PDB file of N, CA and C in Angstrom:
ATOM      1  N   UNK A   1     -25.823   7.436  -4.203  1.00  0.00           N
ATOM      2  CA  UNK A   1     -24.506   6.877  -3.980  1.00  0.00           C
ATOM      3  C   UNK A   1     -24.662   5.629  -3.102  1.00  0.00           C
ATOM      4  N   UNK A   2     -24.165   4.519  -3.593  1.00  0.00           N
ATOM      5  CA  UNK A   2     -24.347   3.248  -2.903  1.00  0.00           C
ATOM      6  C   UNK A   2     -23.646   3.238  -1.550  1.00  0.00           C
ATOM      7  N   UNK A   3     -22.371   3.543  -1.538  1.00  0.00           N
ATOM      8  CA  UNK A   3     -21.626   3.507  -0.296  1.00  0.00           C
ATOM      9  C   UNK A   3     -20.540   4.588  -0.353  1.00  0.00           C
ATOM     10  N   UNK A   4     -20.628   5.523   0.549  1.00  0.00           N
ATOM     11  CA  UNK A   4     -19.688   6.646   0.544  1.00  0.00           C
ATOM     12  C   UNK A   4     -18.251   6.175   0.752  1.00  0.00           C
ATOM     13  N   UNK A   5     -18.049   5.182   1.615  1.00  0.00           N
ATOM     14  CA  UNK A   5     -16.710   4.679   1.886  1.00  0.00           C
ATOM     15  C   UNK A   5     -16.084   4.057   0.634  1.00  0.00           C
ATOM     16  N   UNK A   6     -16.879   3.303  -0.122  1.00  0.00           N
ATOM     17  CA  UNK A   6     -16.358   2.697  -1.355  1.00  0.00           C
ATOM     18  C   UNK A   6     -16.011   3.767  -2.385  1.00  0.00           C
ATOM     19  N   UNK A   7     -16.761   4.855  -2.377  1.00  0.00           N
ATOM     20  CA  UNK A   7     -16.485   5.946  -3.302  1.00  0.00           C
ATOM     21  C   UNK A   7     -15.190   6.664  -2.930  1.00  0.00           C
ATOM     22  N   UNK A   8     -15.023   6.944  -1.640  1.00  0.00           N
ATOM     23  CA  UNK A   8     -13.848   7.677  -1.178  1.00  0.00           C
ATOM     24  C   UNK A   8     -12.585   6.819  -1.140  1.00  0.00           C
ATOM     25  N   UNK A   9     -12.743   5.541  -0.858  1.00  0.00           N
ATOM     26  CA  UNK A   9     -11.601   4.632  -0.720  1.00  0.00           C
ATOM     27  C   UNK A   9     -11.784   3.411  -1.621  1.00  0.00           C
ATOM     28  N   UNK A  10     -11.704   3.594  -2.940  1.00  0.00           N
ATOM     29  CA  UNK A  10     -11.923   2.462  -3.848  1.00  0.00           C
ATOM     30  C   UNK A  10     -10.801   1.439  -3.734  1.00  0.00           C
ATOM     31  N   UNK A  11     -11.138   0.191  -3.939  1.00  0.00           N
ATOM     32  CA  UNK A  11     -10.167  -0.900  -3.934  1.00  0.00           C
ATOM     33  C   UNK A  11     -10.209  -1.582  -5.283  1.00  0.00           C
ATOM     34  N   UNK A  12      -9.044  -1.937  -5.781  1.00  0.00           N
ATOM     35  CA  UNK A  12      -8.962  -2.670  -7.039  1.00  0.00           C
ATOM     36  C   UNK A  12      -8.761  -4.146  -6.737  1.00  0.00           C
ATOM     37  N   UNK A  13      -9.183  -4.957  -7.653  1.00  0.00           N
ATOM     38  CA  UNK A  13      -9.041  -6.397  -7.507  1.00  0.00           C
ATOM     39  C   UNK A  13      -7.566  -6.789  -7.610  1.00  0.00           C
ATOM     40  N   UNK A  14      -7.169  -7.838  -6.888  1.00  0.00           N
ATOM     41  CA  UNK A  14      -5.786  -8.316  -6.892  1.00  0.00           C
ATOM     42  C   UNK A  14      -5.658  -9.470  -7.874  1.00  0.00           C
ATOM     43  N   UNK A  15      -4.686  -9.381  -8.781  1.00  0.00           N
ATOM     44  CA  UNK A  15      -4.494 -10.408  -9.800  1.00  0.00           C
ATOM     45  C   UNK A  15      -3.180 -11.171  -9.632  1.00  0.00           C
ATOM     46  N   UNK A  16      -2.409 -10.868  -8.618  1.00  0.00           N
ATOM     47  CA  UNK A  16      -1.117 -11.527  -8.423  1.00  0.00           C
ATOM     48  C   UNK A  16      -1.254 -12.904  -7.806  1.00  0.00           C
ATOM     49  N   UNK A  17      -0.122 -13.438  -7.385  1.00  0.00           N
ATOM     50  CA  UNK A  17      -0.095 -14.747  -6.742  1.00  0.00           C
ATOM     51  C   UNK A  17      -0.820 -14.645  -5.405  1.00  0.00           C
ATOM     52  N   UNK A  18      -1.827 -15.481  -5.218  1.00  0.00           N
ATOM     53  CA  UNK A  18      -2.681 -15.379  -4.037  1.00  0.00           C
ATOM     54  C   UNK A  18      -2.009 -16.069  -2.849  1.00  0.00           C
ATOM     55  N   UNK A  19      -1.477 -15.234  -1.987  1.00  0.00           N
ATOM     56  CA  UNK A  19      -0.910 -15.672  -0.708  1.00  0.00           C
ATOM     57  C   UNK A  19      -1.354 -14.630   0.306  1.00  0.00           C
ATOM     58  N   UNK A  20      -1.568 -15.019   1.547  1.00  0.00           N
ATOM     59  CA  UNK A  20      -2.055 -14.050   2.546  1.00  0.00           C
ATOM     60  C   UNK A  20      -1.183 -12.803   2.646  1.00  0.00           C
ATOM     61  N   UNK A  21       0.134 -12.968   2.651  1.00  0.00           N
ATOM     62  CA  UNK A  21       1.008 -11.807   2.788  1.00  0.00           C
ATOM     63  C   UNK A  21       0.927 -10.890   1.568  1.00  0.00           C
ATOM     64  N   UNK A  22       0.735 -11.483   0.383  1.00  0.00           N
ATOM     65  CA  UNK A  22       0.591 -10.656  -0.816  1.00  0.00           C
ATOM     66  C   UNK A  22      -0.700  -9.853  -0.787  1.00  0.00           C
ATOM     67  N   UNK A  23      -1.775 -10.476  -0.314  1.00  0.00           N
ATOM     68  CA  UNK A  23      -3.061  -9.780  -0.234  1.00  0.00           C
ATOM     69  C   UNK A  23      -3.007  -8.636   0.780  1.00  0.00           C
ATOM     70  N   UNK A  24      -2.363  -8.881   1.921  1.00  0.00           N
ATOM     71  CA  UNK A  24      -2.238  -7.834   2.944  1.00  0.00           C
ATOM     72  C   UNK A  24      -1.390  -6.692   2.410  1.00  0.00           C
ATOM     73  N   UNK A  25      -0.258  -7.023   1.773  1.00  0.00           N
ATOM     74  CA  UNK A  25       0.601  -5.964   1.240  1.00  0.00           C
ATOM     75  C   UNK A  25      -0.114  -5.180   0.152  1.00  0.00           C
ATOM     76  N   UNK A  26      -0.870  -5.857  -0.702  1.00  0.00           N
ATOM     77  CA  UNK A  26      -1.601  -5.156  -1.752  1.00  0.00           C
ATOM     78  C   UNK A  26      -2.611  -4.183  -1.163  1.00  0.00           C
ATOM     79  N   UNK A  27      -3.309  -4.587  -0.117  1.00  0.00           N
ATOM     80  CA  UNK A  27      -4.261  -3.680   0.538  1.00  0.00           C
ATOM     81  C   UNK A  27      -3.523  -2.477   1.119  1.00  0.00           C
ATOM     82  N   UNK A  28      -2.379  -2.721   1.740  1.00  0.00           N
ATOM     83  CA  UNK A  28      -1.583  -1.622   2.300  1.00  0.00           C
ATOM     84  C   UNK A  28      -1.059  -0.703   1.195  1.00  0.00           C
ATOM     85  N   UNK A  29      -0.653  -1.280   0.092  1.00  0.00           N
ATOM     86  CA  UNK A  29      -0.147  -0.493  -1.031  1.00  0.00           C
ATOM     87  C   UNK A  29      -1.244   0.388  -1.631  1.00  0.00           C
ATOM     88  N   UNK A  30      -2.448  -0.162  -1.759  1.00  0.00           N
ATOM     89  CA  UNK A  30      -3.563   0.629  -2.280  1.00  0.00           C
ATOM     90  C   UNK A  30      -3.921   1.771  -1.331  1.00  0.00           C
ATOM     91  N   UNK A  31      -3.883   1.496  -0.018  1.00  0.00           N
ATOM     92  CA  UNK A  31      -4.158   2.554   0.954  1.00  0.00           C
ATOM     93  C   UNK A  31      -3.077   3.636   0.883  1.00  0.00           C
ATOM     94  N   UNK A  32      -1.818   3.221   0.737  1.00  0.00           N
ATOM     95  CA  UNK A  32      -0.714   4.170   0.594  1.00  0.00           C
ATOM     96  C   UNK A  32      -0.958   5.080  -0.615  1.00  0.00           C
ATOM     97  N   UNK A  33      -1.288   4.486  -1.748  1.00  0.00           N
ATOM     98  CA  UNK A  33      -1.510   5.260  -2.966  1.00  0.00           C
ATOM     99  C   UNK A  33      -2.673   6.236  -2.802  1.00  0.00           C
ATOM    100  N   UNK A  34      -3.734   5.786  -2.146  1.00  0.00           N
ATOM    101  CA  UNK A  34      -4.898   6.652  -1.939  1.00  0.00           C
ATOM    102  C   UNK A  34      -4.539   7.844  -1.058  1.00  0.00           C
ATOM    103  N   UNK A  35      -3.804   7.590   0.018  1.00  0.00           N
ATOM    104  CA  UNK A  35      -3.424   8.668   0.927  1.00  0.00           C
ATOM    105  C   UNK A  35      -2.456   9.649   0.272  1.00  0.00           C
ATOM    106  N   UNK A  36      -1.512   9.131  -0.506  1.00  0.00           N
ATOM    107  CA  UNK A  36      -0.580  10.007  -1.216  1.00  0.00           C
ATOM    108  C   UNK A  36      -1.351  10.895  -2.190  1.00  0.00           C
ATOM    109  N   UNK A  37      -2.336  10.329  -2.846  1.00  0.00           N
ATOM    110  CA  UNK A  37      -3.156  11.108  -3.765  1.00  0.00           C
ATOM    111  C   UNK A  37      -3.869  12.247  -3.035  1.00  0.00           C
ATOM    112  N   UNK A  38      -4.445  11.954  -1.872  1.00  0.00           N
ATOM    113  CA  UNK A  38      -5.118  13.000  -1.093  1.00  0.00           C
ATOM    114  C   UNK A  38      -4.136  14.087  -0.652  1.00  0.00           C
ATOM    115  N   UNK A  39      -2.962  13.673  -0.189  1.00  0.00           N
ATOM    116  CA  UNK A  39      -1.955  14.643   0.255  1.00  0.00           C
ATOM    117  C   UNK A  39      -1.523  15.530  -0.910  1.00  0.00           C
ATOM    118  N   UNK A  40      -1.303  14.930  -2.071  1.00  0.00           N
ATOM    119  CA  UNK A  40      -0.913  15.711  -3.254  1.00  0.00           C
ATOM    120  C   UNK A  40      -1.995  16.711  -3.628  1.00  0.00           C
ATOM    121  N   UNK A  41      -3.241  16.283  -3.566  1.00  0.00           N
ATOM    122  CA  UNK A  41      -4.344  17.185  -3.898  1.00  0.00           C
ATOM    123  C   UNK A  41      -4.455  18.321  -2.890  1.00  0.00           C
ATOM    124  N   UNK A  42      -4.261  18.027  -1.616  1.00  0.00           N
ATOM    125  CA  UNK A  42      -4.305  19.082  -0.598  1.00  0.00           C
ATOM    126  C   UNK A  42      -3.157  20.073  -0.788  1.00  0.00           C
ATOM    127  N   UNK A  43      -1.988  19.574  -1.155  1.00  0.00           N
ATOM    128  CA  UNK A  43      -0.844  20.459  -1.379  1.00  0.00           C
ATOM    129  C   UNK A  43      -1.087  21.321  -2.621  1.00  0.00           C
ATOM    130  N   UNK A  44      -1.630  20.721  -3.656  1.00  0.00           N
ATOM    131  CA  UNK A  44      -1.924  21.461  -4.882  1.00  0.00           C
ATOM    132  C   UNK A  44      -2.947  22.570  -4.625  1.00  0.00           C
ATOM    133  N   UNK A  45      -3.916  22.286  -3.753  1.00  0.00           N
ATOM    134  CA  UNK A  45      -4.955  23.268  -3.436  1.00  0.00           C
ATOM    135  C   UNK A  45      -4.488  24.315  -2.426  1.00  0.00           C
ATOM    136  N   UNK A  46      -3.276  24.174  -1.927  1.00  0.00           N
ATOM    137  CA  UNK A  46      -2.745  25.141  -0.973  1.00  0.00           C
ATOM    138  C   UNK A  46      -3.164  24.895   0.459  1.00  0.00           C
ATOM    139  N   UNK A  47      -3.744  23.729   0.727  1.00  0.00           N
ATOM    140  CA  UNK A  47      -4.187  23.394   2.088  1.00  0.00           C
ATOM    141  C   UNK A  47      -3.067  22.819   2.942  1.00  0.00           C
ATOM    142  N   UNK A  48      -2.035  22.295   2.302  1.00  0.00           N
ATOM    143  CA  UNK A  48      -0.854  21.774   2.993  1.00  0.00           C
ATOM    144  C   UNK A  48       0.383  22.409   2.360  1.00  0.00           C
ATOM    145  N   UNK A  49       1.376  22.656   3.177  1.00  0.00           N
ATOM    146  CA  UNK A  49       2.637  23.171   2.645  1.00  0.00           C
ATOM    147  C   UNK A  49       3.410  22.017   1.993  1.00  0.00           C
ATOM    148  N   UNK A  50       4.324  22.342   1.092  1.00  0.00           N
ATOM    149  CA  UNK A  50       5.149  21.282   0.501  1.00  0.00           C
ATOM    150  C   UNK A  50       5.931  20.496   1.559  1.00  0.00           C
ATOM    151  N   UNK A  51       6.417  21.194   2.580  1.00  0.00           N
ATOM    152  CA  UNK A  51       7.181  20.517   3.631  1.00  0.00           C
ATOM    153  C   UNK A  51       6.313  19.538   4.402  1.00  0.00           C
ATOM    154  N   UNK A  52       5.093  19.968   4.764  1.00  0.00           N
ATOM    155  CA  UNK A  52       4.179  19.091   5.503  1.00  0.00           C
ATOM    156  C   UNK A  52       3.760  17.910   4.628  1.00  0.00           C
ATOM    157  N   UNK A  53       3.537  18.166   3.359  1.00  0.00           N
ATOM    158  CA  UNK A  53       3.179  17.091   2.432  1.00  0.00           C
ATOM    159  C   UNK A  53       4.299  16.055   2.359  1.00  0.00           C
ATOM    160  N   UNK A  54       5.530  16.558   2.242  1.00  0.00           N
ATOM    161  CA  UNK A  54       6.674  15.656   2.185  1.00  0.00           C
ATOM    162  C   UNK A  54       6.769  14.821   3.463  1.00  0.00           C
ATOM    163  N   UNK A  55       6.614  15.455   4.610  1.00  0.00           N
ATOM    164  CA  UNK A  55       6.707  14.743   5.886  1.00  0.00           C
ATOM    165  C   UNK A  55       5.652  13.646   5.980  1.00  0.00           C
ATOM    166  N   UNK A  56       4.433  13.956   5.571  1.00  0.00           N
ATOM    167  CA  UNK A  56       3.359  12.967   5.655  1.00  0.00           C
ATOM    168  C   UNK A  56       3.596  11.798   4.699  1.00  0.00           C
ATOM    169  N   UNK A  57       4.023  12.110   3.472  1.00  0.00           N
ATOM    170  CA  UNK A  57       4.282  11.042   2.505  1.00  0.00           C
ATOM    171  C   UNK A  57       5.480  10.204   2.945  1.00  0.00           C
ATOM    172  N   UNK A  58       6.494  10.850   3.493  1.00  0.00           N
ATOM    173  CA  UNK A  58       7.669  10.126   3.982  1.00  0.00           C
ATOM    174  C   UNK A  58       7.278   9.164   5.108  1.00  0.00           C
ATOM    175  N   UNK A  59       6.417   9.604   6.012  1.00  0.00           N
ATOM    176  CA  UNK A  59       5.960   8.746   7.112  1.00  0.00           C
ATOM    177  C   UNK A  59       5.151   7.565   6.567  1.00  0.00           C
ATOM    178  N   UNK A  60       4.305   7.820   5.592  1.00  0.00           N
ATOM    179  CA  UNK A  60       3.532   6.732   4.980  1.00  0.00           C
ATOM    180  C   UNK A  60       4.457   5.727   4.296  1.00  0.00           C
ATOM    181  N   UNK A  61       5.499   6.249   3.622  1.00  0.00           N
ATOM    182  CA  UNK A  61       6.457   5.372   2.938  1.00  0.00           C
ATOM    183  C   UNK A  61       7.194   4.488   3.947  1.00  0.00           C
ATOM    184  N   UNK A  62       7.600   5.066   5.066  1.00  0.00           N
ATOM    185  CA  UNK A  62       8.301   4.285   6.093  1.00  0.00           C
ATOM    186  C   UNK A  62       7.390   3.188   6.635  1.00  0.00           C
ATOM    187  N   UNK A  63       6.118   3.497   6.817  1.00  0.00           N
ATOM    188  CA  UNK A  63       5.162   2.484   7.282  1.00  0.00           C
ATOM    189  C   UNK A  63       5.012   1.362   6.258  1.00  0.00           C
ATOM    190  N   UNK A  64       4.942   1.723   4.988  1.00  0.00           N
ATOM    191  CA  UNK A  64       4.808   0.717   3.938  1.00  0.00           C
ATOM    192  C   UNK A  64       6.048  -0.174   3.874  1.00  0.00           C
ATOM    193  N   UNK A  65       7.232   0.427   3.999  1.00  0.00           N
ATOM    194  CA  UNK A  65       8.475  -0.356   4.007  1.00  0.00           C
ATOM    195  C   UNK A  65       8.520  -1.313   5.198  1.00  0.00           C
ATOM    196  N   UNK A  66       8.083  -0.816   6.361  1.00  0.00           N
ATOM    197  CA  UNK A  66       8.064  -1.661   7.560  1.00  0.00           C
ATOM    198  C   UNK A  66       7.119  -2.852   7.361  1.00  0.00           C
ATOM    199  N   UNK A  67       5.965  -2.597   6.797  1.00  0.00           N
ATOM    200  CA  UNK A  67       4.997  -3.653   6.537  1.00  0.00           C
ATOM    201  C   UNK A  67       5.561  -4.677   5.569  1.00  0.00           C
ATOM    202  N   UNK A  68       6.222  -4.200   4.509  1.00  0.00           N
ATOM    203  CA  UNK A  68       6.832  -5.100   3.525  1.00  0.00           C
ATOM    204  C   UNK A  68       7.846  -6.011   4.191  1.00  0.00           C
ATOM    205  N   UNK A  69       8.653  -5.444   5.044  1.00  0.00           N
ATOM    206  CA  UNK A  69       9.668  -6.229   5.729  1.00  0.00           C
ATOM    207  C   UNK A  69       9.034  -7.245   6.680  1.00  0.00           C
ATOM    208  N   UNK A  70       8.023  -6.824   7.423  1.00  0.00           N
ATOM    209  CA  UNK A  70       7.347  -7.726   8.358  1.00  0.00           C
ATOM    210  C   UNK A  70       6.667  -8.894   7.641  1.00  0.00           C
ATOM    211  N   UNK A  71       6.123  -8.630   6.464  1.00  0.00           N
ATOM    212  CA  UNK A  71       5.432  -9.670   5.710  1.00  0.00           C
ATOM    213  C   UNK A  71       6.388 -10.563   4.926  1.00  0.00           C
ATOM    214  N   UNK A  72       7.637 -10.131   4.793  1.00  0.00           N
ATOM    215  CA  UNK A  72       8.623 -10.921   4.054  1.00  0.00           C
ATOM    216  C   UNK A  72       8.444 -10.835   2.552  1.00  0.00           C
ATOM    217  N   UNK A  73       7.853  -9.755   2.082  1.00  0.00           N
ATOM    218  CA  UNK A  73       7.655  -9.569   0.645  1.00  0.00           C
ATOM    219  C   UNK A  73       9.009  -9.294  -0.004  1.00  0.00           C
ATOM    220  N   UNK A  74       9.309 -10.022  -1.083  1.00  0.00           N
ATOM    221  CA  UNK A  74      10.556  -9.814  -1.806  1.00  0.00           C
ATOM    222  C   UNK A  74      11.700 -10.675  -1.321  1.00  0.00           C
ATOM    223  N   UNK A  75      11.493 -11.418  -0.273  1.00  0.00           N
ATOM    224  CA  UNK A  75      12.538 -12.332   0.199  1.00  0.00           C
ATOM    225  C   UNK A  75      12.405 -13.650  -0.559  1.00  0.00           C
ATOM    226  N   UNK A  76      13.500 -14.351  -0.727  1.00  0.00           N
ATOM    227  CA  UNK A  76      13.508 -15.640  -1.422  1.00  0.00           C
ATOM    228  C   UNK A  76      12.885 -15.524  -2.810  1.00  0.00           C
ATOM    229  N   UNK A  77      13.350 -14.557  -3.577  1.00  0.00           N
ATOM    230  CA  UNK A  77      12.789 -14.315  -4.904  1.00  0.00           C
ATOM    231  C   UNK A  77      12.957 -15.503  -5.841  1.00  0.00           C
ATOM    232  N   UNK A  78      13.999 -16.270  -5.667  1.00  0.00           N
ATOM    233  CA  UNK A  78      14.287 -17.364  -6.585  1.00  0.00           C
ATOM    234  C   UNK A  78      13.846 -18.711  -6.056  1.00  0.00           C
ATOM    235  N   UNK A  79      13.140 -18.713  -4.943  1.00  0.00           N
ATOM    236  CA  UNK A  79      12.659 -19.963  -4.366  1.00  0.00           C
ATOM    237  C   UNK A  79      11.303 -20.276  -4.930  1.00  0.00           C
ATOM    238  N   UNK A  80      11.149 -21.472  -5.480  1.00  0.00           N
ATOM    239  CA  UNK A  80       9.864 -21.903  -6.043  1.00  0.00           C
ATOM    240  C   UNK A  80       9.065 -22.551  -4.918  1.00  0.00           C
ATOM    241  N   UNK A  81       7.822 -22.153  -4.738  1.00  0.00           N
ATOM    242  CA  UNK A  81       6.993 -22.706  -3.669  1.00  0.00           C
ATOM    243  C   UNK A  81       6.760 -24.196  -3.818  1.00  0.00           C
ATOM    244  N   UNK A  82       6.802 -24.710  -5.043  1.00  0.00           N
ATOM    245  CA  UNK A  82       6.575 -26.130  -5.247  1.00  0.00           C
ATOM    246  C   UNK A  82       7.738 -26.978  -4.757  1.00  0.00           C
ATOM    247  N   UNK A  83       8.955 -26.376  -4.661  1.00  0.00           N
ATOM    248  CA  UNK A  83      10.122 -27.113  -4.194  1.00  0.00           C
ATOM    249  C   UNK A  83      10.076 -27.348  -2.689  1.00  0.00           C
ATOM    250  N   UNK A  84       9.569 -26.382  -1.943  1.00  0.00           N
ATOM    251  CA  UNK A  84       9.508 -26.474  -0.486  1.00  0.00           C
ATOM    252  C   UNK A  84       8.085 -26.218  -0.014  1.00  0.00           C
ATOM    253  N   UNK A  85       7.222 -27.247  -0.086  1.00  0.00           N
ATOM    254  CA  UNK A  85       5.852 -27.026   0.356  1.00  0.00           C
ATOM    255  C   UNK A  85       5.794 -26.756   1.854  1.00  0.00           C
ATOM    256  N   UNK A  86       4.793 -26.000   2.305  1.00  0.00           N
ATOM    257  CA  UNK A  86       4.684 -25.691   3.731  1.00  0.00           C
ATOM    258  C   UNK A  86       4.502 -26.962   4.546  1.00  0.00           C
ATOM    259  N   UNK A  87       5.058 -26.956   5.753  1.00  0.00           N
ATOM    260  CA  UNK A  87       4.975 -28.143   6.623  1.00  0.00           C
ATOM    261  C   UNK A  87       3.620 -28.275   7.257  1.00  0.00           C
TER     262      UNK A  87
END
């Protein structure tokens, strides 16, 4: 096995519009998905209760929403970057 961390926490390549905030959000989104997958598997195996699983996923979701808001993802959806270049 080349790298245990890469095996346990795989990352997919980003194909969207390359902006720093998009790259950060994509990394956070991939981590969210990976953690939700682990929580679901633990609940399925009987290692976590449904209530505890829900609480953990809900907390992860709140963190992801907070990050999205801080990064400004989804704001100014109709603004073209070419119209207002950065100063």
